[in-house]
Amino acid sequence: MAHVELSLSEVFPATTGAPTGQESDNVGQWAATVSRAAEPCLLIDGDTTVVAISAAGCELLCLGTPEDLVGLPLLEGGLRLVDFTAKPSELTEQDTEKIPPLLALHSGRLARGLLRVQGPGDDAGTTVDAISTPVLAEGEVAGSLTFFSRV
């Protein structure tokens, strides 16, 4: 049986006044930042489509190049998540819905958890710590931003 460990924290968006132009294009600003980042990070939109991913993120998650992934649904772009058992098998749809990028998107809260990513071949996989935050646009969740670190 898969073991998924998660933590959630509440996000307190600013409630004063109308959104500024900067806030209304928050996803676009984060996309530019993520695409240039040296750190492994990922930005998805409200439909779970990859908006931006850093080259380091592609490498850590055993994916192709950022250009290959942008515009694809997160779980259809080659990301292979496996459980933490001795003989890894792919996560069920129920467990996949609990990964931090999707949990932050659907809950509107910060989310953190460990993921096991399997690359090509039969290796045991790479364990990564994922920390995700919802990205707001005009006061509503418009996507999620995730930073990864190899464990």
N, C-alpha and C. Protein backbone atom coordinates (compact mmCIF):
# COMPACT_ATOMS: atom_id res chain seq x y z
N MET A 1 0.85 -1.18 0.00
CA MET A 1 0.00 0.00 0.00
C MET A 1 0.89 1.24 0.00
N ALA A 2 0.51 2.21 -0.74
CA ALA A 2 1.28 3.45 -0.86
C ALA A 2 1.19 4.25 0.43
N HIS A 3 2.28 4.95 0.76
CA HIS A 3 2.30 5.84 1.91
C HIS A 3 2.53 7.25 1.41
N VAL A 4 1.57 8.11 1.63
CA VAL A 4 1.69 9.50 1.20
C VAL A 4 1.64 10.36 2.45
N GLU A 5 2.65 11.19 2.64
CA GLU A 5 2.71 12.06 3.81
C GLU A 5 2.54 13.50 3.34
N LEU A 6 1.57 14.20 3.91
CA LEU A 6 1.25 15.55 3.47
C LEU A 6 1.09 16.48 4.65
N SER A 7 1.29 17.76 4.39
CA SER A 7 0.93 18.78 5.38
C SER A 7 0.33 19.95 4.63
N LEU A 8 -0.64 20.60 5.25
CA LEU A 8 -1.33 21.74 4.65
C LEU A 8 -1.22 22.94 5.57
N SER A 9 -1.11 24.11 5.00
CA SER A 9 -1.12 25.36 5.75
C SER A 9 -2.04 26.32 5.04
N GLU A 10 -2.73 27.14 5.81
CA GLU A 10 -3.68 28.07 5.20
C GLU A 10 -2.95 29.26 4.60
N VAL A 11 -3.44 29.73 3.46
CA VAL A 11 -2.92 30.92 2.81
C VAL A 11 -3.88 32.06 3.10
N PHE A 12 -3.34 33.21 3.47
CA PHE A 12 -4.16 34.36 3.77
C PHE A 12 -3.94 35.43 2.71
N PRO A 13 -4.75 35.44 1.63
CA PRO A 13 -4.57 36.45 0.59
C PRO A 13 -4.97 37.82 1.09
N ALA A 14 -4.36 38.84 0.51
CA ALA A 14 -4.71 40.21 0.87
C ALA A 14 -6.16 40.47 0.48
N THR A 15 -6.87 41.17 1.35
CA THR A 15 -8.29 41.43 1.08
C THR A 15 -8.58 42.91 0.89
N THR A 16 -7.55 43.72 0.72
CA THR A 16 -7.77 45.16 0.60
C THR A 16 -7.82 45.59 -0.85
N GLY A 17 -8.89 46.27 -1.22
CA GLY A 17 -8.98 46.89 -2.54
C GLY A 17 -9.07 45.93 -3.69
N ALA A 18 -9.09 46.50 -4.88
CA ALA A 18 -9.14 45.72 -6.12
C ALA A 18 -7.76 45.20 -6.46
N PRO A 19 -7.67 44.12 -7.21
CA PRO A 19 -6.37 43.59 -7.58
C PRO A 19 -5.61 44.57 -8.47
N THR A 20 -4.32 44.61 -8.25
CA THR A 20 -3.48 45.46 -9.09
C THR A 20 -3.21 44.74 -10.39
N GLY A 21 -2.67 45.45 -11.37
CA GLY A 21 -2.31 44.81 -12.63
C GLY A 21 -1.32 43.70 -12.42
N GLN A 22 -0.42 43.92 -11.45
CA GLN A 22 0.59 42.91 -11.15
C GLN A 22 -0.08 41.62 -10.67
N GLU A 23 -1.05 41.74 -9.77
CA GLU A 23 -1.71 40.55 -9.23
C GLU A 23 -2.54 39.84 -10.29
N SER A 24 -3.17 40.59 -11.18
CA SER A 24 -4.04 39.96 -12.16
C SER A 24 -3.26 39.13 -13.18
N ASP A 25 -1.96 39.40 -13.36
CA ASP A 25 -1.13 38.58 -14.25
C ASP A 25 -0.08 37.82 -13.45
N ASN A 26 -0.46 37.38 -12.27
CA ASN A 26 0.45 36.68 -11.38
C ASN A 26 1.02 35.43 -12.03
N VAL A 27 0.20 34.66 -12.72
CA VAL A 27 0.66 33.42 -13.35
C VAL A 27 1.72 33.74 -14.41
N GLY A 28 1.50 34.76 -15.20
CA GLY A 28 2.47 35.15 -16.22
C GLY A 28 3.80 35.57 -15.64
N GLN A 29 3.76 36.30 -14.53
CA GLN A 29 5.01 36.72 -13.89
C GLN A 29 5.76 35.52 -13.31
N TRP A 30 5.03 34.61 -12.68
CA TRP A 30 5.68 33.42 -12.14
C TRP A 30 6.23 32.54 -13.26
N ALA A 31 5.53 32.48 -14.39
CA ALA A 31 6.00 31.67 -15.52
C ALA A 31 7.36 32.15 -15.99
N ALA A 32 7.53 33.45 -16.10
CA ALA A 32 8.82 34.00 -16.52
C ALA A 32 9.91 33.67 -15.51
N THR A 33 9.58 33.76 -14.23
CA THR A 33 10.55 33.48 -13.17
C THR A 33 10.93 32.00 -13.16
N VAL A 34 9.94 31.13 -13.21
CA VAL A 34 10.19 29.68 -13.17
C VAL A 34 11.02 29.24 -14.36
N SER A 35 10.72 29.74 -15.53
CA SER A 35 11.45 29.30 -16.73
C SER A 35 12.93 29.67 -16.69
N ARG A 36 13.29 30.70 -15.92
CA ARG A 36 14.69 31.12 -15.80
C ARG A 36 15.37 30.62 -14.53
N ALA A 37 14.63 29.97 -13.65
CA ALA A 37 15.14 29.59 -12.33
C ALA A 37 16.22 28.52 -12.40
N ALA A 38 17.21 28.65 -11.52
CA ALA A 38 18.24 27.63 -11.39
C ALA A 38 17.75 26.47 -10.52
N GLU A 39 16.75 26.73 -9.69
CA GLU A 39 16.21 25.72 -8.78
C GLU A 39 15.16 24.86 -9.49
N PRO A 40 14.99 23.61 -9.04
CA PRO A 40 13.94 22.76 -9.61
C PRO A 40 12.56 23.27 -9.19
N CYS A 41 11.79 23.78 -10.13
CA CYS A 41 10.46 24.29 -9.81
C CYS A 41 9.51 24.11 -10.99
N LEU A 42 8.22 24.22 -10.68
CA LEU A 42 7.16 23.93 -11.64
C LEU A 42 5.98 24.85 -11.39
N LEU A 43 5.36 25.34 -12.46
CA LEU A 43 4.15 26.15 -12.37
C LEU A 43 3.08 25.50 -13.24
N ILE A 44 1.92 25.21 -12.63
CA ILE A 44 0.79 24.68 -13.39
C ILE A 44 -0.38 25.65 -13.27
N ASP A 45 -1.28 25.62 -14.25
CA ASP A 45 -2.45 26.49 -14.18
C ASP A 45 -3.62 25.73 -13.55
N GLY A 46 -4.77 26.36 -13.51
CA GLY A 46 -5.95 25.78 -12.88
C GLY A 46 -6.45 24.51 -13.53
N ASP A 47 -6.05 24.25 -14.76
CA ASP A 47 -6.43 23.02 -15.46
C ASP A 47 -5.34 21.96 -15.36
N THR A 48 -4.36 22.16 -14.52
CA THR A 48 -3.18 21.29 -14.30
C THR A 48 -2.26 21.22 -15.51
N THR A 49 -2.34 22.20 -16.38
CA THR A 49 -1.44 22.27 -17.54
C THR A 49 -0.13 22.91 -17.11
N VAL A 50 0.99 22.35 -17.56
CA VAL A 50 2.30 22.91 -17.23
C VAL A 50 2.44 24.25 -17.95
N VAL A 51 2.60 25.32 -17.15
CA VAL A 51 2.80 26.66 -17.69
C VAL A 51 4.29 26.93 -17.84
N ALA A 52 5.08 26.47 -16.85
CA ALA A 52 6.53 26.64 -16.89
C ALA A 52 7.18 25.62 -15.98
N ILE A 53 8.38 25.20 -16.35
CA ILE A 53 9.19 24.31 -15.52
C ILE A 53 10.64 24.66 -15.78
N SER A 54 11.43 24.65 -14.73
CA SER A 54 12.85 24.97 -14.89
C SER A 54 13.59 23.77 -15.46
N ALA A 55 14.74 24.02 -16.07
CA ALA A 55 15.56 22.93 -16.60
C ALA A 55 15.97 21.99 -15.47
N ALA A 56 16.29 22.56 -14.29
CA ALA A 56 16.66 21.73 -13.13
C ALA A 56 15.48 20.88 -12.68
N GLY A 57 14.27 21.41 -12.80
CA GLY A 57 13.07 20.64 -12.46
C GLY A 57 12.88 19.46 -13.39
N CYS A 58 13.12 19.69 -14.68
CA CYS A 58 13.02 18.60 -15.66
C CYS A 58 14.03 17.50 -15.34
N GLU A 59 15.24 17.91 -15.01
CA GLU A 59 16.29 16.93 -14.71
C GLU A 59 15.95 16.13 -13.46
N LEU A 60 15.54 16.80 -12.39
CA LEU A 60 15.23 16.13 -11.14
C LEU A 60 14.04 15.19 -11.27
N LEU A 61 13.05 15.59 -12.05
CA LEU A 61 11.84 14.79 -12.20
C LEU A 61 11.92 13.78 -13.35
N CYS A 62 13.11 13.64 -13.92
CA CYS A 62 13.36 12.66 -14.99
C CYS A 62 12.46 12.91 -16.20
N LEU A 63 12.36 14.17 -16.59
CA LEU A 63 11.53 14.56 -17.73
C LEU A 63 12.43 15.04 -18.86
N GLY A 64 11.86 15.40 -19.97
CA GLY A 64 12.62 15.90 -21.12
C GLY A 64 13.09 17.32 -20.88
N THR A 65 12.82 18.17 -21.83
CA THR A 65 13.20 19.58 -21.72
C THR A 65 11.95 20.39 -21.40
N PRO A 66 12.14 21.59 -20.85
CA PRO A 66 10.97 22.44 -20.56
C PRO A 66 10.09 22.65 -21.79
N GLU A 67 10.70 22.82 -22.94
CA GLU A 67 9.92 23.06 -24.17
C GLU A 67 9.00 21.88 -24.49
N ASP A 68 9.44 20.66 -24.12
CA ASP A 68 8.62 19.47 -24.39
C ASP A 68 7.40 19.38 -23.49
N LEU A 69 7.46 20.01 -22.31
CA LEU A 69 6.40 19.85 -21.31
C LEU A 69 5.39 20.98 -21.26
N VAL A 70 5.83 22.19 -21.56
CA VAL A 70 4.94 23.34 -21.46
C VAL A 70 3.74 23.13 -22.39
N GLY A 71 2.56 23.31 -21.82
CA GLY A 71 1.32 23.13 -22.57
C GLY A 71 0.68 21.77 -22.41
N LEU A 72 1.41 20.82 -21.80
CA LEU A 72 0.86 19.48 -21.57
C LEU A 72 0.26 19.39 -20.17
N PRO A 73 -0.75 18.54 -19.97
CA PRO A 73 -1.23 18.29 -18.62
C PRO A 73 -0.10 17.68 -17.78
N LEU A 74 -0.01 18.08 -16.52
CA LEU A 74 1.09 17.65 -15.65
C LEU A 74 1.30 16.14 -15.66
N LEU A 75 0.24 15.39 -15.53
CA LEU A 75 0.38 13.94 -15.41
C LEU A 75 0.46 13.22 -16.74
N GLU A 76 0.40 13.95 -17.84
CA GLU A 76 0.51 13.32 -19.16
C GLU A 76 1.80 13.72 -19.87
N GLY A 77 2.69 14.40 -19.16
CA GLY A 77 3.93 14.86 -19.77
C GLY A 77 5.11 13.96 -19.49
N GLY A 78 4.86 12.74 -19.04
CA GLY A 78 5.95 11.81 -18.79
C GLY A 78 6.33 11.67 -17.33
N LEU A 79 5.69 12.41 -16.44
CA LEU A 79 5.98 12.32 -15.01
C LEU A 79 5.48 10.98 -14.50
N ARG A 80 6.40 10.17 -13.99
CA ARG A 80 6.03 8.83 -13.51
C ARG A 80 6.24 8.78 -12.00
N LEU A 81 5.15 8.82 -11.27
CA LEU A 81 5.19 8.78 -9.81
C LEU A 81 4.93 7.36 -9.34
N VAL A 82 5.77 6.88 -8.42
CA VAL A 82 5.63 5.53 -7.89
C VAL A 82 5.54 5.59 -6.38
N ASP A 83 5.05 4.48 -5.79
CA ASP A 83 4.90 4.43 -4.34
C ASP A 83 6.24 4.14 -3.67
N PHE A 84 6.22 4.12 -2.34
CA PHE A 84 7.45 3.94 -1.57
C PHE A 84 7.66 2.49 -1.12
N THR A 85 7.04 1.54 -1.77
CA THR A 85 7.22 0.14 -1.41
C THR A 85 8.54 -0.38 -1.96
N ALA A 86 8.94 -1.58 -1.50
CA ALA A 86 10.21 -2.17 -1.94
C ALA A 86 10.21 -2.42 -3.45
N LYS A 87 9.07 -2.78 -3.98
CA LYS A 87 8.94 -2.98 -5.43
C LYS A 87 7.98 -1.90 -5.95
N PRO A 88 8.53 -0.75 -6.37
CA PRO A 88 7.69 0.40 -6.72
C PRO A 88 6.69 0.11 -7.83
N SER A 89 5.46 0.59 -7.61
CA SER A 89 4.44 0.54 -8.66
C SER A 89 3.84 1.94 -8.78
N GLU A 90 3.25 2.23 -9.95
CA GLU A 90 2.72 3.57 -10.19
C GLU A 90 1.62 3.90 -9.18
N LEU A 91 1.55 5.18 -8.82
CA LEU A 91 0.53 5.63 -7.88
C LEU A 91 -0.86 5.47 -8.50
N THR A 92 -1.81 5.18 -7.64
CA THR A 92 -3.20 5.12 -8.08
C THR A 92 -3.69 6.55 -8.34
N GLU A 93 -4.79 6.67 -9.05
CA GLU A 93 -5.35 7.99 -9.32
C GLU A 93 -5.69 8.71 -8.01
N GLN A 94 -6.18 7.96 -7.02
CA GLN A 94 -6.53 8.54 -5.73
C GLN A 94 -5.30 9.12 -5.04
N ASP A 95 -4.17 8.41 -5.09
CA ASP A 95 -2.94 8.92 -4.48
C ASP A 95 -2.35 10.07 -5.29
N THR A 96 -2.46 9.99 -6.61
CA THR A 96 -1.93 11.04 -7.47
C THR A 96 -2.61 12.37 -7.21
N GLU A 97 -3.90 12.35 -6.90
CA GLU A 97 -4.63 13.59 -6.62
C GLU A 97 -4.11 14.30 -5.37
N LYS A 98 -3.33 13.59 -4.54
CA LYS A 98 -2.83 14.16 -3.29
C LYS A 98 -1.41 14.70 -3.39
N ILE A 99 -0.82 14.68 -4.59
CA ILE A 99 0.54 15.21 -4.69
C ILE A 99 0.49 16.73 -4.48
N PRO A 100 1.52 17.31 -3.89
CA PRO A 100 1.48 18.72 -3.52
C PRO A 100 1.05 19.71 -4.60
N PRO A 101 1.52 19.62 -5.86
CA PRO A 101 1.06 20.62 -6.83
C PRO A 101 -0.45 20.60 -7.04
N LEU A 102 -1.05 19.42 -7.05
CA LEU A 102 -2.49 19.31 -7.25
C LEU A 102 -3.26 19.63 -5.98
N LEU A 103 -2.71 19.25 -4.83
CA LEU A 103 -3.36 19.53 -3.56
C LEU A 103 -3.42 21.03 -3.30
N ALA A 104 -2.34 21.74 -3.58
CA ALA A 104 -2.33 23.21 -3.40
C ALA A 104 -3.33 23.85 -4.35
N LEU A 105 -3.42 23.34 -5.55
CA LEU A 105 -4.35 23.88 -6.54
C LEU A 105 -5.80 23.69 -6.11
N HIS A 106 -6.14 22.51 -5.64
CA HIS A 106 -7.53 22.20 -5.32
C HIS A 106 -7.95 22.67 -3.92
N SER A 107 -7.00 22.75 -2.98
CA SER A 107 -7.34 23.16 -1.62
C SER A 107 -7.18 24.66 -1.40
N GLY A 108 -6.37 25.31 -2.23
CA GLY A 108 -6.09 26.72 -2.02
C GLY A 108 -5.18 26.97 -0.84
N ARG A 109 -4.43 25.95 -0.43
CA ARG A 109 -3.53 26.05 0.73
C ARG A 109 -2.14 25.56 0.35
N LEU A 110 -1.18 25.89 1.19
CA LEU A 110 0.16 25.37 1.01
C LEU A 110 0.13 23.86 1.21
N ALA A 111 0.94 23.13 0.46
CA ALA A 111 0.99 21.68 0.59
C ALA A 111 2.44 21.22 0.47
N ARG A 112 2.77 20.19 1.22
CA ARG A 112 4.13 19.65 1.18
C ARG A 112 4.06 18.14 1.30
N GLY A 113 4.94 17.46 0.59
CA GLY A 113 4.97 16.02 0.67
C GLY A 113 6.15 15.44 -0.07
N LEU A 114 6.40 14.18 0.17
CA LEU A 114 7.47 13.47 -0.52
C LEU A 114 6.90 12.75 -1.73
N LEU A 115 7.64 12.79 -2.82
CA LEU A 115 7.27 12.09 -4.04
C LEU A 115 8.40 11.17 -4.43
N ARG A 116 8.07 10.06 -5.01
CA ARG A 116 9.08 9.17 -5.58
C ARG A 116 8.87 9.16 -7.08
N VAL A 117 9.87 9.63 -7.79
CA VAL A 117 9.79 9.78 -9.24
C VAL A 117 10.67 8.72 -9.88
N GLN A 118 10.10 7.98 -10.81
CA GLN A 118 10.88 6.96 -11.50
C GLN A 118 11.20 7.43 -12.91
N GLY A 119 12.46 7.35 -13.23
CA GLY A 119 12.91 7.73 -14.56
C GLY A 119 12.85 6.55 -15.50
N PRO A 120 13.50 6.68 -16.64
CA PRO A 120 13.53 5.57 -17.59
C PRO A 120 14.27 4.37 -16.99
N GLY A 121 13.85 3.19 -17.36
CA GLY A 121 14.51 1.98 -16.86
C GLY A 121 13.84 1.48 -15.60
N ASP A 122 14.56 0.62 -14.90
CA ASP A 122 14.01 -0.02 -13.71
C ASP A 122 14.65 0.46 -12.42
N ASP A 123 15.19 1.68 -12.41
CA ASP A 123 15.82 2.17 -11.18
C ASP A 123 14.78 2.31 -10.08
N ALA A 124 15.24 2.41 -8.84
CA ALA A 124 14.34 2.48 -7.69
C ALA A 124 13.61 3.81 -7.61
N GLY A 125 14.07 4.79 -8.33
CA GLY A 125 13.42 6.09 -8.32
C GLY A 125 14.15 7.10 -7.46
N THR A 126 13.77 8.34 -7.61
CA THR A 126 14.36 9.44 -6.86
C THR A 126 13.29 9.99 -5.93
N THR A 127 13.65 10.19 -4.66
CA THR A 127 12.71 10.77 -3.71
C THR A 127 12.94 12.27 -3.67
N VAL A 128 11.87 13.03 -3.83
CA VAL A 128 11.96 14.48 -3.79
C VAL A 128 10.95 15.04 -2.80
N ASP A 129 11.35 16.12 -2.14
CA ASP A 129 10.48 16.88 -1.26
C ASP A 129 9.84 17.95 -2.12
N ALA A 130 8.53 18.06 -2.09
CA ALA A 130 7.81 19.04 -2.90
C ALA A 130 7.04 19.99 -1.99
N ILE A 131 7.23 21.28 -2.20
CA ILE A 131 6.52 22.31 -1.44
C ILE A 131 5.76 23.16 -2.45
N SER A 132 4.44 23.21 -2.31
CA SER A 132 3.58 23.89 -3.29
C SER A 132 2.74 24.97 -2.63
N THR A 133 2.55 26.03 -3.37
CA THR A 133 1.67 27.11 -2.93
C THR A 133 0.70 27.45 -4.04
N PRO A 134 -0.53 27.79 -3.68
CA PRO A 134 -1.45 28.23 -4.72
C PRO A 134 -0.99 29.58 -5.27
N VAL A 135 -1.23 29.82 -6.54
CA VAL A 135 -0.95 31.10 -7.18
C VAL A 135 -2.30 31.76 -7.43
N LEU A 136 -2.44 32.98 -6.93
CA LEU A 136 -3.71 33.68 -7.03
C LEU A 136 -3.72 34.68 -8.18
N ALA A 137 -4.87 34.85 -8.78
CA ALA A 137 -5.10 35.90 -9.77
C ALA A 137 -6.48 36.47 -9.47
N GLU A 138 -6.53 37.75 -9.21
CA GLU A 138 -7.78 38.42 -8.87
C GLU A 138 -8.48 37.74 -7.70
N GLY A 139 -7.69 37.31 -6.71
CA GLY A 139 -8.24 36.72 -5.50
C GLY A 139 -8.65 35.27 -5.59
N GLU A 140 -8.52 34.66 -6.75
CA GLU A 140 -8.91 33.26 -6.94
C GLU A 140 -7.68 32.42 -7.27
N VAL A 141 -7.73 31.14 -6.90
CA VAL A 141 -6.62 30.23 -7.23
C VAL A 141 -6.58 30.03 -8.74
N ALA A 142 -5.44 30.35 -9.34
CA ALA A 142 -5.29 30.25 -10.79
C ALA A 142 -4.25 29.21 -11.18
N GLY A 143 -3.55 28.65 -10.19
CA GLY A 143 -2.52 27.67 -10.47
C GLY A 143 -1.78 27.32 -9.20
N SER A 144 -0.68 26.59 -9.33
CA SER A 144 0.17 26.31 -8.18
C SER A 144 1.63 26.34 -8.60
N LEU A 145 2.45 26.76 -7.66
CA LEU A 145 3.90 26.87 -7.84
C LEU A 145 4.55 25.88 -6.89
N THR A 146 5.43 25.03 -7.41
CA THR A 146 6.05 23.99 -6.60
C THR A 146 7.56 24.06 -6.73
N PHE A 147 8.24 23.94 -5.58
CA PHE A 147 9.69 23.82 -5.54
C PHE A 147 10.03 22.41 -5.08
N PHE A 148 11.06 21.84 -5.67
CA PHE A 148 11.46 20.47 -5.37
C PHE A 148 12.89 20.43 -4.83
N SER A 149 13.15 19.43 -4.00
CA SER A 149 14.50 19.20 -3.50
C SER A 149 14.71 17.69 -3.37
N ARG A 150 15.84 17.22 -3.88
CA ARG A 150 16.16 15.80 -3.76
C ARG A 150 16.38 15.47 -2.28
N VAL A 151 15.84 14.34 -1.85
CA VAL A 151 15.99 13.92 -0.45
C VAL A 151 17.11 12.92 -0.35
